[in-house]
PDB file of N, CA and C in Angstrom:
ATOM      1  N   UNK A   1       0.300 -13.235  21.975  1.00  0.00           N
ATOM      2  CA  UNK A   1       1.726 -12.732  21.091  1.00  0.00           C
ATOM      3  C   UNK A   1       1.939 -13.663  20.416  1.00  0.00           C
ATOM      4  N   UNK A   2       2.680 -15.286  21.208  1.00  0.00           N
ATOM      5  CA  UNK A   2       3.293 -16.007  20.490  1.00  0.00           C
ATOM      6  C   UNK A   2       2.579 -16.504  18.971  1.00  0.00           C
ATOM      7  N   UNK A   3       1.803 -16.632  19.230  1.00  0.00           N
ATOM      8  CA  UNK A   3       0.617 -17.601  18.363  1.00  0.00           C
ATOM      9  C   UNK A   3       1.089 -16.423  17.087  1.00  0.00           C
ATOM     10  N   UNK A   4       0.152 -14.798  17.377  1.00  0.00           N
ATOM     11  CA  UNK A   4      -0.072 -14.197  16.225  1.00  0.00           C
ATOM     12  C   UNK A   4       1.486 -13.932  15.834  1.00  0.00           C
ATOM     13  N   UNK A   5       2.618 -13.670  15.842  1.00  0.00           N
ATOM     14  CA  UNK A   5       3.776 -14.080  15.720  1.00  0.00           C
ATOM     15  C   UNK A   5       3.964 -14.957  14.446  1.00  0.00           C
ATOM     16  N   UNK A   6       3.893 -16.306  15.174  1.00  0.00           N
ATOM     17  CA  UNK A   6       3.860 -17.696  14.522  1.00  0.00           C
ATOM     18  C   UNK A   6       3.326 -17.111  12.960  1.00  0.00           C
ATOM     19  N   UNK A   7       1.865 -16.955  13.312  1.00  0.00           N
ATOM     20  CA  UNK A   7       1.041 -16.794  11.915  1.00  0.00           C
ATOM     21  C   UNK A   7       1.445 -15.840  10.841  1.00  0.00           C
ATOM     22  N   UNK A   8       2.640 -14.432  11.833  1.00  0.00           N
ATOM     23  CA  UNK A   8       3.367 -13.757  10.700  1.00  0.00           C
ATOM     24  C   UNK A   8       4.201 -14.215  10.223  1.00  0.00           C
ATOM     25  N   UNK A   9       5.065 -15.118  10.682  1.00  0.00           N
ATOM     26  CA  UNK A   9       6.347 -15.825   9.946  1.00  0.00           C
ATOM     27  C   UNK A   9       5.700 -16.842   9.082  1.00  0.00           C
ATOM     28  N   UNK A  10       4.611 -17.358   9.539  1.00  0.00           N
ATOM     29  CA  UNK A  10       4.373 -18.403   8.466  1.00  0.00           C
ATOM     30  C   UNK A  10       3.537 -18.175   7.289  1.00  0.00           C
ATOM     31  N   UNK A  11       2.792 -16.647   7.410  1.00  0.00           N
ATOM     32  CA  UNK A  11       2.747 -15.763   5.960  1.00  0.00           C
ATOM     33  C   UNK A  11       3.465 -15.610   5.418  1.00  0.00           C
ATOM     34  N   UNK A  12       4.654 -14.769   5.865  1.00  0.00           N
ATOM     35  CA  UNK A  12       5.386 -14.181   5.106  1.00  0.00           C
ATOM     36  C   UNK A  12       6.345 -15.147   4.810  1.00  0.00           C
ATOM     37  N   UNK A  13       6.693 -16.058   5.411  1.00  0.00           N
ATOM     38  CA  UNK A  13       7.762 -17.094   5.303  1.00  0.00           C
ATOM     39  C   UNK A  13       9.531 -16.536   5.757  1.00  0.00           C
ATOM     40  N   UNK A  14       9.503 -15.338   6.632  1.00  0.00           N
ATOM     41  CA  UNK A  14      10.585 -14.564   6.973  1.00  0.00           C
ATOM     42  C   UNK A  14       9.603 -13.597   8.221  1.00  0.00           C
ATOM     43  N   UNK A  15      11.144 -14.184   9.132  1.00  0.00           N
ATOM     44  CA  UNK A  15      11.340 -13.702  10.499  1.00  0.00           C
ATOM     45  C   UNK A  15      11.516 -12.376  10.773  1.00  0.00           C
ATOM     46  N   UNK A  16      12.031 -11.818   9.415  1.00  0.00           N
ATOM     47  CA  UNK A  16      12.943 -10.761   9.656  1.00  0.00           C
ATOM     48  C   UNK A  16      11.685  -9.722   8.970  1.00  0.00           C
ATOM     49  N   UNK A  17      10.898 -10.192   7.569  1.00  0.00           N
ATOM     50  CA  UNK A  17       9.686  -9.595   7.701  1.00  0.00           C
ATOM     51  C   UNK A  17       8.149  -9.560   8.722  1.00  0.00           C
ATOM     52  N   UNK A  18       8.308 -10.515   9.355  1.00  0.00           N
ATOM     53  CA  UNK A  18       7.460 -10.731  10.235  1.00  0.00           C
ATOM     54  C   UNK A  18       7.792 -10.125  11.636  1.00  0.00           C
ATOM     55  N   UNK A  19       8.979  -9.885  11.875  1.00  0.00           N
ATOM     56  CA  UNK A  19       9.229  -8.566  12.818  1.00  0.00           C
ATOM     57  C   UNK A  19       8.973  -7.325  12.762  1.00  0.00           C
ATOM     58  N   UNK A  20       9.217  -6.925  11.102  1.00  0.00           N
ATOM     59  CA  UNK A  20       9.021  -5.401  10.815  1.00  0.00           C
ATOM     60  C   UNK A  20       7.697  -5.356  10.827  1.00  0.00           C
ATOM     61  N   UNK A  21       6.935  -5.865  10.354  1.00  0.00           N
ATOM     62  CA  UNK A  21       5.340  -5.946  10.614  1.00  0.00           C
ATOM     63  C   UNK A  21       4.726  -5.560  12.213  1.00  0.00           C
ATOM     64  N   UNK A  22       5.308  -6.598  13.071  1.00  0.00           N
ATOM     65  CA  UNK A  22       4.767  -7.074  14.071  1.00  0.00           C
ATOM     66  C   UNK A  22       5.361  -5.730  14.874  1.00  0.00           C
ATOM     67  N   UNK A  23       7.041  -4.824  14.460  1.00  0.00           N
ATOM     68  CA  UNK A  23       7.285  -3.659  15.302  1.00  0.00           C
ATOM     69  C   UNK A  23       8.105  -4.654  16.473  1.00  0.00           C
ATOM     70  N   UNK A  24       8.925  -5.613  16.272  1.00  0.00           N
ATOM     71  CA  UNK A  24       9.690  -6.653  17.328  1.00  0.00           C
ATOM     72  C   UNK A  24      11.054  -6.606  16.733  1.00  0.00           C
ATOM     73  N   UNK A  25      12.060  -6.864  16.910  1.00  0.00           N
ATOM     74  CA  UNK A  25      13.375  -6.878  16.749  1.00  0.00           C
ATOM     75  C   UNK A  25      13.653  -8.788  16.156  1.00  0.00           C
ATOM     76  N   UNK A  26      13.881  -8.996  15.249  1.00  0.00           N
ATOM     77  CA  UNK A  26      14.030 -10.637  14.799  1.00  0.00           C
ATOM     78  C   UNK A  26      14.804 -11.275  16.063  1.00  0.00           C
ATOM     79  N   UNK A  27      15.399 -10.763  16.860  1.00  0.00           N
ATOM     80  CA  UNK A  27      16.326 -11.785  17.576  1.00  0.00           C
ATOM     81  C   UNK A  27      14.844 -11.949  18.958  1.00  0.00           C
ATOM     82  N   UNK A  28      14.225 -11.001  19.134  1.00  0.00           N
ATOM     83  CA  UNK A  28      12.604 -10.821  19.994  1.00  0.00           C
ATOM     84  C   UNK A  28      11.661 -12.147  19.369  1.00  0.00           C
ATOM     85  N   UNK A  29      11.713 -12.086  18.069  1.00  0.00           N
ATOM     86  CA  UNK A  29      10.744 -12.639  17.505  1.00  0.00           C
ATOM     87  C   UNK A  29      11.448 -14.083  17.360  1.00  0.00           C
ATOM     88  N   UNK A  30      12.600 -14.356  17.190  1.00  0.00           N
ATOM     89  CA  UNK A  30      13.136 -16.019  17.495  1.00  0.00           C
ATOM     90  C   UNK A  30      13.033 -16.398  18.821  1.00  0.00           C
ATOM     91  N   UNK A  31      13.348 -15.217  19.825  1.00  0.00           N
ATOM     92  CA  UNK A  31      12.793 -15.981  20.722  1.00  0.00           C
ATOM     93  C   UNK A  31      11.541 -16.385  21.187  1.00  0.00           C
ATOM     94  N   UNK A  32      10.710 -15.363  20.988  1.00  0.00           N
ATOM     95  CA  UNK A  32       9.056 -15.613  21.256  1.00  0.00           C
ATOM     96  C   UNK A  32       8.895 -17.000  20.619  1.00  0.00           C
ATOM     97  N   UNK A  33       8.924 -17.331  19.186  1.00  0.00           N
ATOM     98  CA  UNK A  33       8.753 -18.231  18.565  1.00  0.00           C
ATOM     99  C   UNK A  33       9.483 -19.596  19.432  1.00  0.00           C
ATOM    100  N   UNK A  34      10.555 -19.531  20.093  1.00  0.00           N
ATOM    101  CA  UNK A  34      10.814 -20.587  21.003  1.00  0.00           C
ATOM    102  C   UNK A  34      10.493 -20.756  21.891  1.00  0.00           C
ATOM    103  N   UNK A  35      10.049 -20.035  22.585  1.00  0.00           N
ATOM    104  CA  UNK A  35       9.597 -19.989  23.958  1.00  0.00           C
ATOM    105  C   UNK A  35       7.953 -20.610  23.293  1.00  0.00           C
ATOM    106  N   UNK A  36       7.101 -20.194  22.137  1.00  0.00           N
ATOM    107  CA  UNK A  36       6.146 -20.810  21.963  1.00  0.00           C
ATOM    108  C   UNK A  36       6.494 -22.407  21.712  1.00  0.00           C
ATOM    109  N   UNK A  37       7.307 -22.819  21.189  1.00  0.00           N
ATOM    110  CA  UNK A  37       7.898 -24.326  20.665  1.00  0.00           C
ATOM    111  C   UNK A  37       7.984 -24.959  22.223  1.00  0.00           C
ATOM    112  N   UNK A  38       8.296 -24.716  23.195  1.00  0.00           N
ATOM    113  CA  UNK A  38       8.419 -24.489  24.468  1.00  0.00           C
ATOM    114  C   UNK A  38       7.029 -25.522  25.156  1.00  0.00           C
ATOM    115  N   UNK A  39       6.687 -23.991  25.194  1.00  0.00           N
ATOM    116  CA  UNK A  39       4.849 -24.340  25.881  1.00  0.00           C
ATOM    117  C   UNK A  39       4.130 -25.254  24.548  1.00  0.00           C
ATOM    118  N   UNK A  40       4.280 -25.339  23.497  1.00  0.00           N
ATOM    119  CA  UNK A  40       3.607 -26.539  23.121  1.00  0.00           C
ATOM    120  C   UNK A  40       4.101 -27.826  23.040  1.00  0.00           C
ATOM    121  N   UNK A  41       5.442 -28.027  23.561  1.00  0.00           N
ATOM    122  CA  UNK A  41       6.129 -29.279  23.535  1.00  0.00           C
ATOM    123  C   UNK A  41       6.880 -29.798  22.083  1.00  0.00           C
ATOM    124  N   UNK A  42       7.014 -28.532  21.277  1.00  0.00           N
ATOM    125  CA  UNK A  42       7.669 -29.200  19.977  1.00  0.00           C
ATOM    126  C   UNK A  42       8.846 -29.797  20.507  1.00  0.00           C
ATOM    127  N   UNK A  43       9.253 -30.953  19.482  1.00  0.00           N
ATOM    128  CA  UNK A  43      10.875 -31.196  19.716  1.00  0.00           C
ATOM    129  C   UNK A  43      11.344 -30.778  18.355  1.00  0.00           C
ATOM    130  N   UNK A  44      10.780 -29.922  17.351  1.00  0.00           N
ATOM    131  CA  UNK A  44      11.802 -29.938  16.131  1.00  0.00           C
ATOM    132  C   UNK A  44      11.867 -28.255  15.995  1.00  0.00           C
ATOM    133  N   UNK A  45      12.657 -27.705  15.345  1.00  0.00           N
ATOM    134  CA  UNK A  45      12.545 -26.224  15.503  1.00  0.00           C
ATOM    135  C   UNK A  45      11.539 -25.752  14.174  1.00  0.00           C
ATOM    136  N   UNK A  46      11.243 -24.737  13.897  1.00  0.00           N
ATOM    137  CA  UNK A  46      10.264 -24.480  12.832  1.00  0.00           C
ATOM    138  C   UNK A  46      11.280 -23.954  11.788  1.00  0.00           C
ATOM    139  N   UNK A  47      10.794 -24.773  10.576  1.00  0.00           N
ATOM    140  CA  UNK A  47      11.555 -24.881   9.532  1.00  0.00           C
ATOM    141  C   UNK A  47      10.590 -24.036   8.262  1.00  0.00           C
ATOM    142  N   UNK A  48      10.670 -22.655   7.686  1.00  0.00           N
ATOM    143  CA  UNK A  48       9.871 -22.090   6.838  1.00  0.00           C
ATOM    144  C   UNK A  48      10.961 -21.738   5.784  1.00  0.00           C
ATOM    145  N   UNK A  49      10.467 -22.254   4.522  1.00  0.00           N
ATOM    146  CA  UNK A  49      11.431 -22.165   3.230  1.00  0.00           C
ATOM    147  C   UNK A  49      10.418 -21.030   2.605  1.00  0.00           C
ATOM    148  N   UNK A  50      11.275 -20.654   1.406  1.00  0.00           N
ATOM    149  CA  UNK A  50      10.414 -19.702   0.456  1.00  0.00           C
ATOM    150  C   UNK A  50      10.330 -21.312  -0.788  1.00  0.00           C
ATOM    151  N   UNK A  51       9.023 -21.516  -1.828  1.00  0.00           N
ATOM    152  CA  UNK A  51       9.035 -22.191  -2.225  1.00  0.00           C
ATOM    153  C   UNK A  51       9.186 -21.740  -3.652  1.00  0.00           C
ATOM    154  N   UNK A  52       9.496 -22.373  -4.592  1.00  0.00           N
ATOM    155  CA  UNK A  52       9.579 -22.375  -6.055  1.00  0.00           C
ATOM    156  C   UNK A  52       8.067 -21.990  -6.740  1.00  0.00           C
ATOM    157  N   UNK A  53       7.747 -20.908  -7.386  1.00  0.00           N
ATOM    158  CA  UNK A  53       6.221 -20.759  -7.892  1.00  0.00           C
ATOM    159  C   UNK A  53       6.308 -20.785  -9.436  1.00  0.00           C
TER     160      UNK A  53
END
């Protein structure tokens, strides 16, 4: 589930939007991503930013 949520966040560039689409709260989504980072040995937090188009 963690990887699927990560993909939603990356695709929509929004934790709130991804949480809404996956029917999970934003705090639950953030916690899931943090756990995934720990499992993968990530040393940095995810930074997804909207870019100018």
